[in-house]
Amino acid sequence: MALGFTRFAYALLLPPMHQELHWSYAQAGSMNTANALGYLLGVGARVEHAKNLLETGDQPLDVVVRRSGFGSPETLRPAFLLELGVPPAAYRARFRTTGASHRLA
């Protein structure tokens, strides 16, 4: 998660990039936008993979974390909270309780 916040702090580098690389603010801002979008798409894909693992298997959470590309449960949990509003364990419990027709999305 820290990497995500660091990527968004990229905006603080816009003035030095403008001065040292002679980029316009539009060019530097476009690079920042592309960087942030890439991060969000990557997290979204990993959350989606973790959701599928939680829905279809009985693997322990640490296995789901590894297989979905998160470094630790501490990075998976905030991503789930941000994307879905529930932690991974609650997502798994709800999916198993209500079935696929009530899947959180």
N, C-alpha and C. Protein backbone atom coordinates (compact mmCIF):
# COMPACT_ATOMS: atom_id res chain seq x y z
N MET A 1 0.82 -1.19 0.00
CA MET A 1 0.00 0.00 0.00
C MET A 1 0.87 1.26 0.00
N ALA A 2 2.00 1.18 0.69
CA ALA A 2 2.89 2.34 0.73
C ALA A 2 3.35 2.72 -0.66
N LEU A 3 3.57 1.71 -1.49
CA LEU A 3 3.98 1.99 -2.87
C LEU A 3 2.90 2.79 -3.59
N GLY A 4 1.66 2.47 -3.32
CA GLY A 4 0.57 3.21 -3.95
C GLY A 4 0.56 4.66 -3.54
N PHE A 5 0.73 4.91 -2.25
CA PHE A 5 0.77 6.30 -1.79
C PHE A 5 1.99 7.02 -2.37
N THR A 6 3.09 6.31 -2.47
CA THR A 6 4.30 6.91 -3.04
C THR A 6 4.07 7.30 -4.49
N ARG A 7 3.39 6.45 -5.22
CA ARG A 7 3.12 6.77 -6.62
C ARG A 7 2.26 8.02 -6.75
N PHE A 8 1.31 8.19 -5.84
CA PHE A 8 0.48 9.38 -5.91
C PHE A 8 1.24 10.62 -5.46
N ALA A 9 2.29 10.45 -4.68
CA ALA A 9 3.14 11.57 -4.28
C ALA A 9 3.98 12.07 -5.44
N TYR A 10 3.93 11.36 -6.53
CA TYR A 10 4.64 11.75 -7.75
C TYR A 10 4.32 13.19 -8.15
N ALA A 11 3.13 13.62 -7.84
CA ALA A 11 2.73 14.99 -8.18
C ALA A 11 3.65 16.02 -7.55
N LEU A 12 4.25 15.68 -6.42
CA LEU A 12 5.19 16.60 -5.78
C LEU A 12 6.45 16.80 -6.61
N LEU A 13 6.70 15.87 -7.52
CA LEU A 13 7.90 15.97 -8.36
C LEU A 13 7.67 16.79 -9.63
N LEU A 14 6.45 17.24 -9.84
CA LEU A 14 6.17 17.97 -11.08
C LEU A 14 7.04 19.22 -11.25
N PRO A 15 7.19 20.07 -10.25
CA PRO A 15 8.04 21.24 -10.45
C PRO A 15 9.50 20.90 -10.78
N PRO A 16 10.14 19.96 -10.05
CA PRO A 16 11.52 19.63 -10.42
C PRO A 16 11.62 19.00 -11.82
N MET A 17 10.62 18.20 -12.20
CA MET A 17 10.64 17.61 -13.54
C MET A 17 10.54 18.71 -14.59
N HIS A 18 9.71 19.70 -14.29
CA HIS A 18 9.56 20.82 -15.21
C HIS A 18 10.90 21.56 -15.37
N GLN A 19 11.58 21.77 -14.26
CA GLN A 19 12.83 22.53 -14.29
C GLN A 19 13.99 21.71 -14.85
N GLU A 20 14.17 20.48 -14.39
CA GLU A 20 15.36 19.71 -14.75
C GLU A 20 15.23 18.96 -16.07
N LEU A 21 14.04 18.49 -16.39
CA LEU A 21 13.86 17.72 -17.62
C LEU A 21 13.29 18.57 -18.75
N HIS A 22 12.93 19.80 -18.40
CA HIS A 22 12.36 20.73 -19.38
C HIS A 22 11.06 20.20 -19.97
N TRP A 23 10.31 19.49 -19.11
CA TRP A 23 9.00 19.02 -19.53
C TRP A 23 7.99 20.10 -19.20
N SER A 24 6.96 20.21 -20.00
CA SER A 24 5.87 21.10 -19.64
C SER A 24 5.11 20.45 -18.48
N TYR A 25 4.33 21.25 -17.79
CA TYR A 25 3.52 20.68 -16.72
C TYR A 25 2.52 19.66 -17.28
N ALA A 26 2.06 19.89 -18.48
CA ALA A 26 1.13 18.94 -19.11
C ALA A 26 1.83 17.59 -19.35
N GLN A 27 3.07 17.62 -19.83
CA GLN A 27 3.79 16.37 -20.05
C GLN A 27 4.05 15.64 -18.73
N ALA A 28 4.51 16.37 -17.73
CA ALA A 28 4.79 15.76 -16.43
C ALA A 28 3.50 15.27 -15.78
N GLY A 29 2.43 16.04 -15.91
CA GLY A 29 1.14 15.62 -15.37
C GLY A 29 0.60 14.38 -16.05
N SER A 30 0.81 14.30 -17.36
CA SER A 30 0.39 13.10 -18.10
C SER A 30 1.14 11.87 -17.62
N MET A 31 2.42 12.03 -17.35
CA MET A 31 3.21 10.92 -16.83
C MET A 31 2.69 10.50 -15.46
N ASN A 32 2.34 11.47 -14.63
CA ASN A 32 1.78 11.17 -13.31
C ASN A 32 0.46 10.42 -13.45
N THR A 33 -0.39 10.87 -14.34
CA THR A 33 -1.69 10.22 -14.55
C THR A 33 -1.52 8.79 -15.03
N ALA A 34 -0.63 8.59 -15.98
CA ALA A 34 -0.37 7.24 -16.49
C ALA A 34 0.17 6.33 -15.40
N ASN A 35 1.05 6.86 -14.57
CA ASN A 35 1.62 6.10 -13.47
C ASN A 35 0.54 5.69 -12.47
N ALA A 36 -0.31 6.62 -12.09
CA ALA A 36 -1.38 6.33 -11.12
C ALA A 36 -2.38 5.35 -11.71
N LEU A 37 -2.74 5.52 -12.96
CA LEU A 37 -3.70 4.62 -13.60
C LEU A 37 -3.14 3.21 -13.67
N GLY A 38 -1.86 3.08 -14.00
CA GLY A 38 -1.23 1.77 -14.03
C GLY A 38 -1.27 1.09 -12.67
N TYR A 39 -1.03 1.86 -11.63
CA TYR A 39 -1.09 1.31 -10.28
C TYR A 39 -2.50 0.82 -9.95
N LEU A 40 -3.50 1.65 -10.22
CA LEU A 40 -4.87 1.28 -9.90
C LEU A 40 -5.34 0.06 -10.67
N LEU A 41 -4.97 -0.02 -11.94
CA LEU A 41 -5.34 -1.19 -12.73
C LEU A 41 -4.68 -2.45 -12.19
N GLY A 42 -3.44 -2.33 -11.78
CA GLY A 42 -2.73 -3.48 -11.21
C GLY A 42 -3.36 -3.96 -9.93
N VAL A 43 -3.71 -3.04 -9.05
CA VAL A 43 -4.35 -3.41 -7.79
C VAL A 43 -5.72 -4.02 -8.07
N GLY A 44 -6.46 -3.43 -8.99
CA GLY A 44 -7.78 -3.96 -9.33
C GLY A 44 -7.71 -5.39 -9.84
N ALA A 45 -6.73 -5.67 -10.67
CA ALA A 45 -6.56 -7.02 -11.21
C ALA A 45 -6.19 -8.00 -10.10
N ARG A 46 -5.33 -7.57 -9.18
CA ARG A 46 -4.95 -8.47 -8.07
C ARG A 46 -6.12 -8.71 -7.13
N VAL A 47 -6.92 -7.68 -6.87
CA VAL A 47 -8.11 -7.85 -6.03
C VAL A 47 -9.08 -8.82 -6.70
N GLU A 48 -9.27 -8.67 -7.98
CA GLU A 48 -10.18 -9.57 -8.72
C GLU A 48 -9.70 -11.01 -8.62
N HIS A 49 -8.40 -11.23 -8.76
CA HIS A 49 -7.85 -12.58 -8.64
C HIS A 49 -8.06 -13.12 -7.22
N ALA A 50 -7.82 -12.28 -6.22
CA ALA A 50 -8.02 -12.70 -4.83
C ALA A 50 -9.50 -13.03 -4.58
N LYS A 51 -10.40 -12.23 -5.13
CA LYS A 51 -11.83 -12.52 -4.99
C LYS A 51 -12.15 -13.90 -5.54
N ASN A 52 -11.64 -14.20 -6.72
CA ASN A 52 -11.90 -15.50 -7.33
C ASN A 52 -11.35 -16.64 -6.47
N LEU A 53 -10.16 -16.45 -5.91
CA LEU A 53 -9.59 -17.47 -5.05
C LEU A 53 -10.42 -17.67 -3.79
N LEU A 54 -10.91 -16.58 -3.21
CA LEU A 54 -11.73 -16.68 -2.00
C LEU A 54 -13.08 -17.33 -2.29
N GLU A 55 -13.61 -17.09 -3.47
CA GLU A 55 -14.92 -17.64 -3.84
C GLU A 55 -14.85 -19.12 -4.15
N THR A 56 -13.77 -19.56 -4.74
CA THR A 56 -13.73 -20.91 -5.29
C THR A 56 -12.87 -21.89 -4.51
N GLY A 57 -12.20 -21.45 -3.49
CA GLY A 57 -11.31 -22.36 -2.78
C GLY A 57 -11.35 -22.20 -1.29
N ASP A 58 -10.64 -23.11 -0.64
CA ASP A 58 -10.55 -23.10 0.82
C ASP A 58 -9.13 -22.77 1.28
N GLN A 59 -8.33 -22.19 0.39
CA GLN A 59 -6.95 -21.89 0.76
C GLN A 59 -6.92 -20.91 1.92
N PRO A 60 -5.93 -21.08 2.79
CA PRO A 60 -5.74 -20.08 3.85
C PRO A 60 -5.44 -18.70 3.24
N LEU A 61 -5.70 -17.67 4.00
CA LEU A 61 -5.53 -16.31 3.50
C LEU A 61 -4.10 -16.05 3.02
N ASP A 62 -3.09 -16.58 3.71
CA ASP A 62 -1.71 -16.33 3.27
C ASP A 62 -1.45 -16.93 1.90
N VAL A 63 -2.11 -18.02 1.55
CA VAL A 63 -1.97 -18.60 0.21
C VAL A 63 -2.67 -17.71 -0.82
N VAL A 64 -3.86 -17.22 -0.49
CA VAL A 64 -4.57 -16.29 -1.37
C VAL A 64 -3.73 -15.04 -1.61
N VAL A 65 -3.11 -14.54 -0.55
CA VAL A 65 -2.25 -13.35 -0.66
C VAL A 65 -1.14 -13.60 -1.67
N ARG A 66 -0.42 -14.69 -1.50
CA ARG A 66 0.71 -15.01 -2.39
C ARG A 66 0.25 -15.22 -3.83
N ARG A 67 -0.81 -15.99 -4.00
CA ARG A 67 -1.26 -16.34 -5.34
C ARG A 67 -1.86 -15.15 -6.09
N SER A 68 -2.33 -14.16 -5.36
CA SER A 68 -2.92 -12.99 -6.02
C SER A 68 -1.93 -11.84 -6.18
N GLY A 69 -0.71 -12.03 -5.72
CA GLY A 69 0.33 -11.03 -5.97
C GLY A 69 0.48 -9.96 -4.91
N PHE A 70 -0.20 -10.11 -3.78
CA PHE A 70 -0.02 -9.16 -2.70
C PHE A 70 1.13 -9.63 -1.83
N GLY A 71 1.84 -8.72 -1.24
CA GLY A 71 3.00 -9.08 -0.44
C GLY A 71 2.67 -9.65 0.92
N SER A 72 1.53 -9.26 1.47
CA SER A 72 1.17 -9.71 2.81
C SER A 72 -0.33 -9.47 3.01
N PRO A 73 -0.90 -10.10 4.05
CA PRO A 73 -2.31 -9.82 4.36
C PRO A 73 -2.54 -8.34 4.67
N GLU A 74 -1.51 -7.68 5.17
CA GLU A 74 -1.63 -6.25 5.49
C GLU A 74 -1.77 -5.39 4.24
N THR A 75 -1.37 -5.89 3.09
CA THR A 75 -1.58 -5.14 1.85
C THR A 75 -2.88 -5.55 1.15
N LEU A 76 -3.29 -6.79 1.35
CA LEU A 76 -4.55 -7.25 0.75
C LEU A 76 -5.75 -6.60 1.43
N ARG A 77 -5.73 -6.53 2.74
CA ARG A 77 -6.89 -6.01 3.48
C ARG A 77 -7.27 -4.59 3.07
N PRO A 78 -6.34 -3.62 3.04
CA PRO A 78 -6.75 -2.27 2.63
C PRO A 78 -7.22 -2.20 1.18
N ALA A 79 -6.64 -3.04 0.32
CA ALA A 79 -7.09 -3.06 -1.08
C ALA A 79 -8.54 -3.55 -1.16
N PHE A 80 -8.88 -4.58 -0.38
CA PHE A 80 -10.26 -5.07 -0.35
C PHE A 80 -11.19 -4.00 0.23
N LEU A 81 -10.76 -3.37 1.29
CA LEU A 81 -11.59 -2.33 1.90
C LEU A 81 -11.84 -1.19 0.93
N LEU A 82 -10.82 -0.80 0.21
CA LEU A 82 -10.95 0.30 -0.75
C LEU A 82 -11.84 -0.08 -1.92
N GLU A 83 -11.63 -1.27 -2.46
CA GLU A 83 -12.37 -1.70 -3.66
C GLU A 83 -13.78 -2.19 -3.34
N LEU A 84 -13.93 -2.92 -2.21
CA LEU A 84 -15.19 -3.61 -1.95
C LEU A 84 -15.91 -3.16 -0.69
N GLY A 85 -15.18 -2.48 0.19
CA GLY A 85 -15.78 -2.02 1.43
C GLY A 85 -15.84 -3.06 2.53
N VAL A 86 -15.24 -4.22 2.30
CA VAL A 86 -15.20 -5.30 3.30
C VAL A 86 -13.82 -5.94 3.28
N PRO A 87 -13.37 -6.49 4.41
CA PRO A 87 -12.10 -7.22 4.42
C PRO A 87 -12.25 -8.58 3.74
N PRO A 88 -11.14 -9.21 3.38
CA PRO A 88 -11.20 -10.49 2.66
C PRO A 88 -12.01 -11.57 3.39
N ALA A 89 -11.85 -11.70 4.69
CA ALA A 89 -12.58 -12.75 5.42
C ALA A 89 -14.09 -12.52 5.35
N ALA A 90 -14.53 -11.28 5.45
CA ALA A 90 -15.96 -10.97 5.34
C ALA A 90 -16.47 -11.24 3.93
N TYR A 91 -15.65 -10.93 2.94
CA TYR A 91 -16.03 -11.22 1.55
C TYR A 91 -16.24 -12.71 1.37
N ARG A 92 -15.28 -13.52 1.87
CA ARG A 92 -15.40 -14.97 1.75
C ARG A 92 -16.65 -15.46 2.48
N ALA A 93 -16.89 -14.98 3.68
CA ALA A 93 -18.06 -15.42 4.45
C ALA A 93 -19.36 -15.04 3.75
N ARG A 94 -19.42 -13.85 3.21
CA ARG A 94 -20.65 -13.41 2.53
C ARG A 94 -20.88 -14.21 1.26
N PHE A 95 -19.83 -14.45 0.52
CA PHE A 95 -19.99 -15.21 -0.71
C PHE A 95 -20.51 -16.61 -0.40
N ARG A 96 -19.94 -17.25 0.59
CA ARG A 96 -20.36 -18.61 0.94
C ARG A 96 -21.75 -18.64 1.53
N THR A 97 -22.16 -17.55 2.18
CA THR A 97 -23.47 -17.51 2.82
C THR A 97 -24.58 -17.25 1.83
N THR A 98 -24.33 -16.31 0.90
CA THR A 98 -25.42 -15.87 0.01
C THR A 98 -25.34 -16.46 -1.38
N GLY A 99 -24.20 -16.98 -1.78
CA GLY A 99 -24.07 -17.55 -3.11
C GLY A 99 -23.68 -16.53 -4.15
N ALA A 100 -23.43 -17.00 -5.34
CA ALA A 100 -22.89 -16.18 -6.42
C ALA A 100 -23.83 -15.08 -6.87
N SER A 101 -25.14 -15.27 -6.72
CA SER A 101 -26.08 -14.25 -7.21
C SER A 101 -26.03 -12.98 -6.40
N HIS A 102 -25.44 -13.01 -5.19
CA HIS A 102 -25.33 -11.83 -4.35
C HIS A 102 -23.90 -11.37 -4.17
N ARG A 103 -23.06 -11.73 -5.09
CA ARG A 103 -21.64 -11.40 -5.02
C ARG A 103 -21.43 -9.90 -4.94
N LEU A 104 -20.51 -9.48 -4.08
CA LEU A 104 -20.15 -8.06 -3.98
C LEU A 104 -19.40 -7.67 -5.24
N ALA A 105 -19.73 -6.53 -5.79
CA ALA A 105 -19.00 -6.06 -6.97
C ALA A 105 -18.97 -4.57 -7.00
